């Protein structure tokens, strides 16, 4: 796919996801904190099915969706993407900026909507702040998307199993928030939609505005296309 096709596809997916997120947000605001859809049923099932081992595993998985782990993953993915030091550092910086900006925007939306969490008596894990959209879910989903994108750029014809594993991790972090009773399922759904929308916007912007030679997968020491063209012109 060329840059225009990538930008249009990413933009379309992003707009679609954020449209769905906007609709869900309006429903959440309109219900004034009342659980939606299957929120209460899924929370009740989670509370009733909590053996000690499962709770310990859920806490371990949910812990990877916040703090240093997501940033370490996106930096590592960025550093492994390019073939030159410059491209690796650029990819790591852009991925980190995408994740940080996404977290900041989500926090603003969360504060604006101000949805209460489930009752504290049902919690089996730590949580703070308002409920919608889920922070752990959003962070893990953005991280998973960036890592999958890096894998696709570095090895576009393989690594399917690795991409699936990363995607499953991103989804599981969100599901653990429901299992631990600190979020409604619609908080998690909102986090997924927000993350997809944000990733679409970031990828669309990168495809449109980043210089083409920075996106090219050239080997170390290769001359950027613009510089190469200039050198040929002066030599002729």
Protein backbone atom coordinates (compact mmCIF):
# COMPACT_ATOMS: atom_id res chain seq x y z
CA UNK A 1 0.00 0.00 0.00
CA UNK A 2 1.23 3.52 -0.75
CA UNK A 3 1.19 6.36 1.75
CA UNK A 4 -2.11 7.77 0.51
CA UNK A 5 -3.86 4.42 0.86
CA UNK A 6 -2.41 3.92 4.36
CA UNK A 7 -3.50 7.39 5.42
CA UNK A 8 -7.03 6.94 4.06
CA UNK A 9 -7.47 3.50 5.61
CA UNK A 10 -6.09 4.58 8.99
CA UNK A 11 -8.17 7.75 8.95
CA UNK A 12 -11.34 5.85 8.08
CA UNK A 13 -10.78 3.30 10.84
CA UNK A 14 -9.95 6.07 13.31
CA UNK A 15 -13.04 8.11 12.48
CA UNK A 16 -15.24 5.02 12.66
CA UNK A 17 -13.87 3.99 16.05
CA UNK A 18 -14.17 7.48 17.50
CA UNK A 19 -17.70 7.82 16.15
CA UNK A 20 -18.65 4.64 17.99
CA UNK A 21 -16.81 5.92 21.07
CA UNK A 22 -18.73 9.20 20.88
CA UNK A 23 -22.05 7.39 20.71
CA UNK A 24 -21.13 5.17 23.66
CA UNK A 25 -19.96 8.21 25.62
CA UNK A 26 -23.27 9.99 25.07
CA UNK A 27 -25.14 6.91 26.26
CA UNK A 28 -22.95 6.75 29.37
CA UNK A 29 -23.53 10.43 30.11
CA UNK A 30 -27.25 10.11 29.45
CA UNK A 31 -27.62 7.22 31.87
CA UNK A 32 -25.87 9.25 34.64
CA UNK A 33 -23.73 6.44 36.02
CA UNK A 34 -26.30 3.67 35.63
CA UNK A 35 -24.69 0.42 34.31
CA UNK A 36 -25.28 -0.33 30.63
CA UNK A 37 -26.04 -3.43 28.57
CA UNK A 38 -24.44 -6.44 30.30
CA UNK A 39 -22.36 -4.42 32.79
CA UNK A 40 -24.04 -5.73 35.92
CA UNK A 41 -24.23 -9.32 34.68
CA UNK A 42 -20.53 -9.50 33.80
CA UNK A 43 -19.52 -7.89 37.07
CA UNK A 44 -21.71 -10.31 39.05
CA UNK A 45 -20.18 -13.27 37.20
CA UNK A 46 -16.67 -11.98 37.92
CA UNK A 47 -17.35 -11.54 41.63
CA UNK A 48 -18.77 -15.07 41.83
CA UNK A 49 -15.80 -16.70 40.05
CA UNK A 50 -12.64 -15.57 41.81
CA UNK A 51 -10.39 -18.41 42.95
CA UNK A 52 -7.17 -17.14 44.51
CA UNK A 53 -4.98 -18.29 41.62
CA UNK A 54 -7.16 -16.58 39.00
CA UNK A 55 -7.17 -13.32 40.98
CA UNK A 56 -3.38 -13.43 41.30
CA UNK A 57 -2.96 -13.98 37.56
CA UNK A 58 -5.44 -11.19 36.78
CA UNK A 59 -3.57 -8.80 39.05
CA UNK A 60 -0.30 -9.70 37.35
CA UNK A 61 -1.72 -9.16 33.86
CA UNK A 62 -3.47 -5.91 34.78
CA UNK A 63 -0.24 -4.53 36.26
CA UNK A 64 1.40 -4.69 32.83
CA UNK A 65 -1.16 -2.24 31.45
CA UNK A 66 0.21 0.76 33.30
CA UNK A 67 3.46 2.30 34.53
CA UNK A 68 6.78 1.61 32.87
CA UNK A 69 5.86 -1.60 31.01
CA UNK A 70 3.86 -0.02 28.13
CA UNK A 71 6.53 2.63 27.56
CA UNK A 72 9.30 0.05 27.61
CA UNK A 73 7.41 -2.00 25.02
CA UNK A 74 6.81 0.88 22.61
CA UNK A 75 10.39 2.13 22.90
CA UNK A 76 11.73 -1.37 22.25
CA UNK A 77 9.37 -1.80 19.30
CA UNK A 78 10.48 1.54 17.87
CA UNK A 79 14.17 0.71 18.27
CA UNK A 80 13.67 -2.59 16.44
CA UNK A 81 11.70 -1.05 13.57
CA UNK A 82 14.24 0.90 11.54
CA UNK A 83 17.50 -0.20 9.98
CA UNK A 84 19.42 2.97 10.78
CA UNK A 85 20.06 4.55 14.17
CA UNK A 86 18.24 7.71 13.10
CA UNK A 87 15.11 5.85 12.06
CA UNK A 88 15.14 3.73 15.21
CA UNK A 89 15.36 6.76 17.47
CA UNK A 90 12.66 8.55 15.49
CA UNK A 91 10.34 5.55 15.64
CA UNK A 92 10.87 5.17 19.39
CA UNK A 93 10.23 8.89 19.97
CA UNK A 94 7.08 8.93 17.83
CA UNK A 95 5.69 5.79 19.48
CA UNK A 96 6.34 7.23 22.95
CA UNK A 97 4.71 10.53 21.99
CA UNK A 98 1.68 8.69 20.57
CA UNK A 99 1.22 6.71 23.79
CA UNK A 100 1.75 9.68 26.11
CA UNK A 101 -0.56 11.98 24.15
CA UNK A 102 -3.22 9.27 23.99
CA UNK A 103 -3.06 8.80 27.74
CA UNK A 104 -3.36 12.54 28.31
CA UNK A 105 -6.34 12.89 26.00
CA UNK A 106 -8.08 9.91 27.58
CA UNK A 107 -7.58 11.40 31.03
CA UNK A 108 -9.25 14.60 29.90
CA UNK A 109 -12.22 12.68 28.46
CA UNK A 110 -12.48 10.57 31.63
CA UNK A 111 -12.56 13.69 33.82
CA UNK A 112 -15.17 15.32 31.61
CA UNK A 113 -17.50 12.31 31.64
CA UNK A 114 -16.88 11.51 35.34
CA UNK A 115 -18.53 8.09 35.43
CA UNK A 116 -18.49 6.37 38.85
CA UNK A 117 -16.79 3.00 39.23
CA UNK A 118 -18.52 -0.16 40.47
CA UNK A 119 -19.01 -0.43 44.21
CA UNK A 120 -15.70 -0.70 46.09
CA UNK A 121 -16.96 -3.81 47.87
CA UNK A 122 -16.65 -5.69 44.55
CA UNK A 123 -13.04 -4.65 43.92
CA UNK A 124 -10.24 -7.20 43.94
CA UNK A 125 -7.58 -4.81 42.70
CA UNK A 126 -6.31 -1.24 42.90
CA UNK A 127 -8.02 1.60 41.03
CA UNK A 128 -8.25 5.39 41.17
CA UNK A 129 -10.08 8.16 39.36
CA UNK A 130 -13.22 7.96 37.30
CA UNK A 131 -14.29 4.92 35.34
CA UNK A 132 -14.90 5.71 31.64
CA UNK A 133 -12.94 4.96 29.53
CA UNK A 134 -10.68 2.49 31.31
CA UNK A 135 -7.10 3.76 31.57
CA UNK A 136 -5.38 0.37 31.73
CA UNK A 137 -7.44 -0.80 28.77
CA UNK A 138 -6.64 2.24 26.65
CA UNK A 139 -2.94 2.19 27.47
CA UNK A 140 -2.57 -1.53 26.76
CA UNK A 141 -4.55 -1.31 23.51
CA UNK A 142 -2.50 1.64 22.20
CA UNK A 143 0.70 -0.16 23.19
CA UNK A 144 -0.39 -3.39 21.51
CA UNK A 145 -1.33 -1.51 18.35
CA UNK A 146 2.04 0.25 18.18
CA UNK A 147 3.96 -2.98 18.78
CA UNK A 148 1.92 -4.82 16.12
CA UNK A 149 2.55 -1.96 13.69
CA UNK A 150 6.29 -2.16 14.39
CA UNK A 151 6.26 -5.92 13.81
CA UNK A 152 4.43 -5.40 10.53
CA UNK A 153 6.92 -2.77 9.36
CA UNK A 154 9.95 -4.84 10.35
CA UNK A 155 8.63 -8.16 9.06
CA UNK A 156 5.49 -7.60 6.95
CA UNK A 157 5.32 -11.19 5.64
CA UNK A 158 5.50 -13.10 8.91
CA UNK A 159 5.28 -12.99 12.68
CA UNK A 160 1.53 -13.66 12.70
CA UNK A 161 1.73 -15.61 15.93
CA UNK A 162 3.65 -12.80 17.65
CA UNK A 163 1.09 -10.22 16.51
CA UNK A 164 -1.74 -12.40 17.82
CA UNK A 165 0.03 -12.80 21.16
CA UNK A 166 0.49 -9.04 21.50
CA UNK A 167 -3.13 -8.43 20.54
CA UNK A 168 -4.36 -10.98 23.07
CA UNK A 169 -2.28 -9.33 25.78
CA UNK A 170 -3.81 -5.95 24.99
CA UNK A 171 -7.32 -7.41 25.15
CA UNK A 172 -6.65 -9.39 28.34
CA UNK A 173 -5.51 -6.33 30.25
CA UNK A 174 -8.89 -4.77 29.61
CA UNK A 175 -10.81 -7.89 30.57
CA UNK A 176 -8.91 -8.17 33.86
CA UNK A 177 -10.28 -4.77 34.84
CA UNK A 178 -13.79 -6.18 34.67
CA UNK A 179 -12.76 -9.42 36.36
CA UNK A 180 -11.19 -7.50 39.25
CA UNK A 181 -14.38 -5.47 39.62
CA UNK A 182 -12.81 -2.03 39.17
CA UNK A 183 -14.48 -1.26 35.82
CA UNK A 184 -17.73 -1.88 34.02
CA UNK A 185 -17.41 -3.76 30.73
CA UNK A 186 -18.55 -0.66 28.81
CA UNK A 187 -15.58 1.19 30.33
CA UNK A 188 -13.33 -1.41 28.73
CA UNK A 189 -15.23 -1.26 25.44
CA UNK A 190 -14.83 2.51 25.49
CA UNK A 191 -11.10 2.11 26.09
CA UNK A 192 -10.74 -0.19 23.09
CA UNK A 193 -12.68 2.16 20.81
CA UNK A 194 -10.72 5.18 22.02
CA UNK A 195 -7.40 3.40 21.44
CA UNK A 196 -8.31 2.30 17.91
CA UNK A 197 -9.46 5.82 17.10
CA UNK A 198 -6.28 7.38 18.45
CA UNK A 199 -4.03 4.90 16.64
CA UNK A 200 -5.88 5.60 13.41
CA UNK A 201 -5.37 9.34 13.79
CA UNK A 202 -1.66 8.96 14.62
CA UNK A 203 -0.99 6.56 11.74
CA UNK A 204 -2.91 8.78 9.31
CA UNK A 205 -0.89 11.83 10.42
CA UNK A 206 2.39 9.94 10.12
CA UNK A 207 1.55 8.69 6.63
CA UNK A 208 0.57 12.17 5.43
CA UNK A 209 3.21 14.40 7.00
CA UNK A 210 6.38 12.48 7.78
CA UNK A 211 9.04 12.81 5.04
CA UNK A 212 9.01 9.79 2.74
CA UNK A 213 12.69 9.02 3.23
CA UNK A 214 12.18 8.73 7.00
CA UNK A 215 9.57 6.02 6.42
CA UNK A 216 11.60 4.10 3.87
CA UNK A 217 13.10 0.82 5.05
CA UNK A 218 16.58 1.44 3.71
CA UNK A 219 19.74 -0.21 4.93
CA UNK A 220 22.37 1.56 7.03
CA UNK A 221 24.26 4.15 5.09
CA UNK A 222 21.66 4.47 2.33
CA UNK A 223 21.25 7.94 0.83
CA UNK A 224 17.81 9.50 1.39
CA UNK A 225 15.90 9.85 -1.90
CA UNK A 226 15.87 13.66 -1.83
CA UNK A 227 19.61 13.87 -1.20
CA UNK A 228 20.31 11.21 -3.81
CA UNK A 229 18.26 13.10 -6.40
CA UNK A 230 20.10 16.33 -5.60
CA UNK A 231 23.50 14.68 -5.92
CA UNK A 232 22.58 13.21 -9.32
CA UNK A 233 21.39 16.61 -10.52
CA UNK A 234 24.65 18.31 -9.57
CA UNK A 235 26.72 15.58 -11.17
CA UNK A 236 24.93 15.73 -14.54
